[in-house]
N, C-alpha and C. Protein backbone atom coordinates (compact mmCIF):
# COMPACT_ATOMS: atom_id res chain seq x y z
N MET A 1 110.68 85.89 114.81
CA MET A 1 111.67 86.90 114.48
C MET A 1 111.19 87.75 113.29
N SER A 2 110.47 87.12 112.37
CA SER A 2 109.97 87.91 111.25
C SER A 2 108.92 88.91 111.72
N ASP A 3 108.18 88.57 112.78
CA ASP A 3 107.20 89.51 113.32
C ASP A 3 107.90 90.74 113.90
N LEU A 4 109.04 90.55 114.51
CA LEU A 4 109.80 91.67 115.05
C LEU A 4 110.19 92.64 113.93
N GLY A 5 110.67 92.10 112.83
CA GLY A 5 111.03 92.94 111.69
C GLY A 5 109.83 93.65 111.09
N TYR A 6 108.72 92.92 111.00
CA TYR A 6 107.51 93.50 110.44
C TYR A 6 107.02 94.68 111.28
N PHE A 7 106.93 94.48 112.59
CA PHE A 7 106.42 95.55 113.45
C PHE A 7 107.43 96.70 113.57
N SER A 8 108.71 96.40 113.43
CA SER A 8 109.71 97.47 113.42
C SER A 8 109.53 98.36 112.20
N ILE A 9 109.32 97.75 111.05
CA ILE A 9 109.12 98.52 109.82
C ILE A 9 107.80 99.28 109.88
N LEU A 10 106.76 98.66 110.39
CA LEU A 10 105.46 99.32 110.50
C LEU A 10 105.54 100.53 111.44
N THR A 11 106.19 100.35 112.57
CA THR A 11 106.36 101.46 113.52
C THR A 11 107.24 102.55 112.92
N ALA A 12 108.28 102.16 112.20
CA ALA A 12 109.16 103.14 111.56
C ALA A 12 108.39 103.96 110.53
N PHE A 13 107.48 103.33 109.81
CA PHE A 13 106.67 104.06 108.83
C PHE A 13 105.81 105.11 109.51
N ILE A 14 105.18 104.74 110.60
CA ILE A 14 104.32 105.68 111.32
C ILE A 14 105.15 106.83 111.89
N ILE A 15 106.31 106.52 112.45
CA ILE A 15 107.16 107.56 113.02
C ILE A 15 107.74 108.44 111.91
N SER A 16 107.99 107.87 110.74
CA SER A 16 108.51 108.70 109.64
C SER A 16 107.49 109.73 109.19
N ILE A 17 106.22 109.40 109.24
CA ILE A 17 105.18 110.39 108.93
C ILE A 17 105.22 111.51 109.96
N TYR A 18 105.38 111.14 111.22
CA TYR A 18 105.51 112.12 112.30
C TYR A 18 106.73 113.02 112.08
N VAL A 19 107.86 112.39 111.72
CA VAL A 19 109.11 113.13 111.55
C VAL A 19 109.03 114.09 110.36
N ILE A 20 108.21 113.78 109.38
CA ILE A 20 108.03 114.68 108.25
C ILE A 20 107.09 115.83 108.60
N ALA A 21 106.00 115.53 109.28
CA ALA A 21 104.96 116.54 109.51
C ALA A 21 105.30 117.50 110.64
N VAL A 22 105.84 117.02 111.73
CA VAL A 22 106.04 117.84 112.92
C VAL A 22 107.02 119.00 112.71
N PRO A 23 108.15 118.82 112.02
CA PRO A 23 109.02 119.98 111.83
C PRO A 23 108.36 121.08 110.98
N LEU A 24 107.54 120.68 110.04
CA LEU A 24 106.84 121.68 109.23
C LEU A 24 105.90 122.51 110.10
N ILE A 25 105.21 121.85 111.00
CA ILE A 25 104.34 122.56 111.93
C ILE A 25 105.17 123.42 112.88
N GLY A 26 106.29 122.88 113.34
CA GLY A 26 107.16 123.62 114.25
C GLY A 26 107.74 124.87 113.62
N VAL A 27 108.13 124.79 112.35
CA VAL A 27 108.66 125.96 111.66
C VAL A 27 107.57 126.99 111.43
N ARG A 28 106.41 126.50 111.04
CA ARG A 28 105.30 127.42 110.76
C ARG A 28 104.87 128.20 112.00
N HIS A 29 104.85 127.54 113.16
CA HIS A 29 104.39 128.18 114.39
C HIS A 29 105.54 128.61 115.30
N ASP A 30 106.77 128.50 114.81
CA ASP A 30 107.98 128.90 115.54
C ASP A 30 108.05 128.23 116.92
N ARG A 31 107.96 126.89 116.91
CA ARG A 31 108.03 126.12 118.16
C ARG A 31 109.22 125.17 118.07
N ARG A 32 110.27 125.53 118.76
CA ARG A 32 111.51 124.76 118.70
C ARG A 32 111.39 123.37 119.31
N GLU A 33 110.50 123.19 120.28
CA GLU A 33 110.36 121.87 120.90
C GLU A 33 109.82 120.83 119.92
N LEU A 34 109.01 121.28 118.96
CA LEU A 34 108.53 120.34 117.94
C LEU A 34 109.65 119.94 116.99
N ILE A 35 110.49 120.89 116.66
CA ILE A 35 111.63 120.58 115.79
C ILE A 35 112.59 119.64 116.51
N ALA A 36 112.84 119.87 117.78
CA ALA A 36 113.72 118.98 118.55
C ALA A 36 113.12 117.59 118.68
N SER A 37 111.81 117.53 118.81
CA SER A 37 111.13 116.23 118.90
C SER A 37 111.32 115.44 117.61
N ALA A 38 111.24 116.11 116.49
CA ALA A 38 111.44 115.43 115.21
C ALA A 38 112.89 114.96 115.06
N GLU A 39 113.83 115.72 115.59
CA GLU A 39 115.23 115.29 115.52
C GLU A 39 115.43 114.01 116.33
N ARG A 40 114.80 113.92 117.48
CA ARG A 40 114.88 112.68 118.27
C ARG A 40 114.14 111.54 117.55
N GLY A 41 113.12 111.87 116.81
CA GLY A 41 112.39 110.86 116.04
C GLY A 41 113.26 110.21 114.99
N VAL A 42 114.19 110.96 114.42
CA VAL A 42 115.12 110.40 113.44
C VAL A 42 116.00 109.35 114.10
N GLU A 43 116.41 109.59 115.33
CA GLU A 43 117.21 108.60 116.05
C GLU A 43 116.41 107.33 116.30
N VAL A 44 115.14 107.47 116.62
CA VAL A 44 114.27 106.31 116.82
C VAL A 44 114.12 105.55 115.52
N LEU A 45 113.98 106.28 114.41
CA LEU A 45 113.89 105.62 113.10
C LEU A 45 115.14 104.80 112.81
N PHE A 46 116.29 105.36 113.12
CA PHE A 46 117.54 104.63 112.90
C PHE A 46 117.53 103.32 113.68
N PHE A 47 117.12 103.38 114.95
CA PHE A 47 117.07 102.18 115.79
C PHE A 47 116.10 101.15 115.22
N LEU A 48 114.89 101.58 114.83
CA LEU A 48 113.88 100.64 114.35
C LEU A 48 114.30 100.00 113.03
N ILE A 49 114.83 100.78 112.12
CA ILE A 49 115.24 100.22 110.83
C ILE A 49 116.45 99.31 111.00
N SER A 50 117.35 99.66 111.92
CA SER A 50 118.48 98.77 112.21
C SER A 50 118.00 97.45 112.79
N MET A 51 117.03 97.51 113.69
CA MET A 51 116.49 96.30 114.29
C MET A 51 115.83 95.42 113.23
N ALA A 52 115.08 96.01 112.32
CA ALA A 52 114.45 95.24 111.26
C ALA A 52 115.50 94.63 110.33
N SER A 53 116.55 95.37 110.05
CA SER A 53 117.62 94.86 109.18
C SER A 53 118.35 93.70 109.82
N PHE A 54 118.63 93.81 111.12
CA PHE A 54 119.29 92.71 111.80
C PHE A 54 118.39 91.48 111.87
N ALA A 55 117.09 91.67 112.03
CA ALA A 55 116.17 90.54 112.03
C ALA A 55 116.17 89.86 110.66
N LEU A 56 116.17 90.66 109.61
CA LEU A 56 116.19 90.11 108.26
C LEU A 56 117.50 89.36 108.00
N LEU A 57 118.61 89.93 108.44
CA LEU A 57 119.90 89.27 108.27
C LEU A 57 119.95 87.96 109.05
N TYR A 58 119.44 87.96 110.27
CA TYR A 58 119.42 86.75 111.09
C TYR A 58 118.60 85.66 110.40
N LEU A 59 117.41 86.04 109.93
CA LEU A 59 116.56 85.05 109.26
C LEU A 59 117.21 84.51 107.99
N PHE A 60 117.96 85.33 107.30
CA PHE A 60 118.68 84.88 106.11
C PHE A 60 119.78 83.90 106.49
N LEU A 61 120.51 84.20 107.57
CA LEU A 61 121.62 83.34 107.96
C LEU A 61 121.15 81.99 108.49
N VAL A 62 120.00 81.93 109.12
CA VAL A 62 119.49 80.64 109.61
C VAL A 62 118.60 79.96 108.58
N ARG A 63 118.53 80.56 107.40
CA ARG A 63 117.77 80.02 106.27
C ARG A 63 116.29 79.81 106.59
N ASP A 64 115.70 80.80 107.22
CA ASP A 64 114.28 80.77 107.52
C ASP A 64 113.56 81.59 106.47
N PHE A 65 113.09 80.91 105.41
CA PHE A 65 112.46 81.61 104.29
C PHE A 65 110.95 81.47 104.29
N GLN A 66 110.36 81.30 105.46
CA GLN A 66 108.91 81.23 105.56
C GLN A 66 108.33 82.62 105.45
N ASN A 67 107.04 82.68 105.17
CA ASN A 67 106.30 83.95 105.01
C ASN A 67 106.73 84.63 103.79
């Protein structure tokens, strides 16, 4: 379960870089599809961070303090 949280956070970090960079490129080149893609990326970030938080909460409740 801790691996799930770890990979969720790692994937969220990579997607957050995408979400920061792509709208800037979209605005600069006037491409609305890039801006819309970044907006959907924010929703993915919400899901990934929520999943990592629930994994952390679960591990806390079952008292799994390894790693």
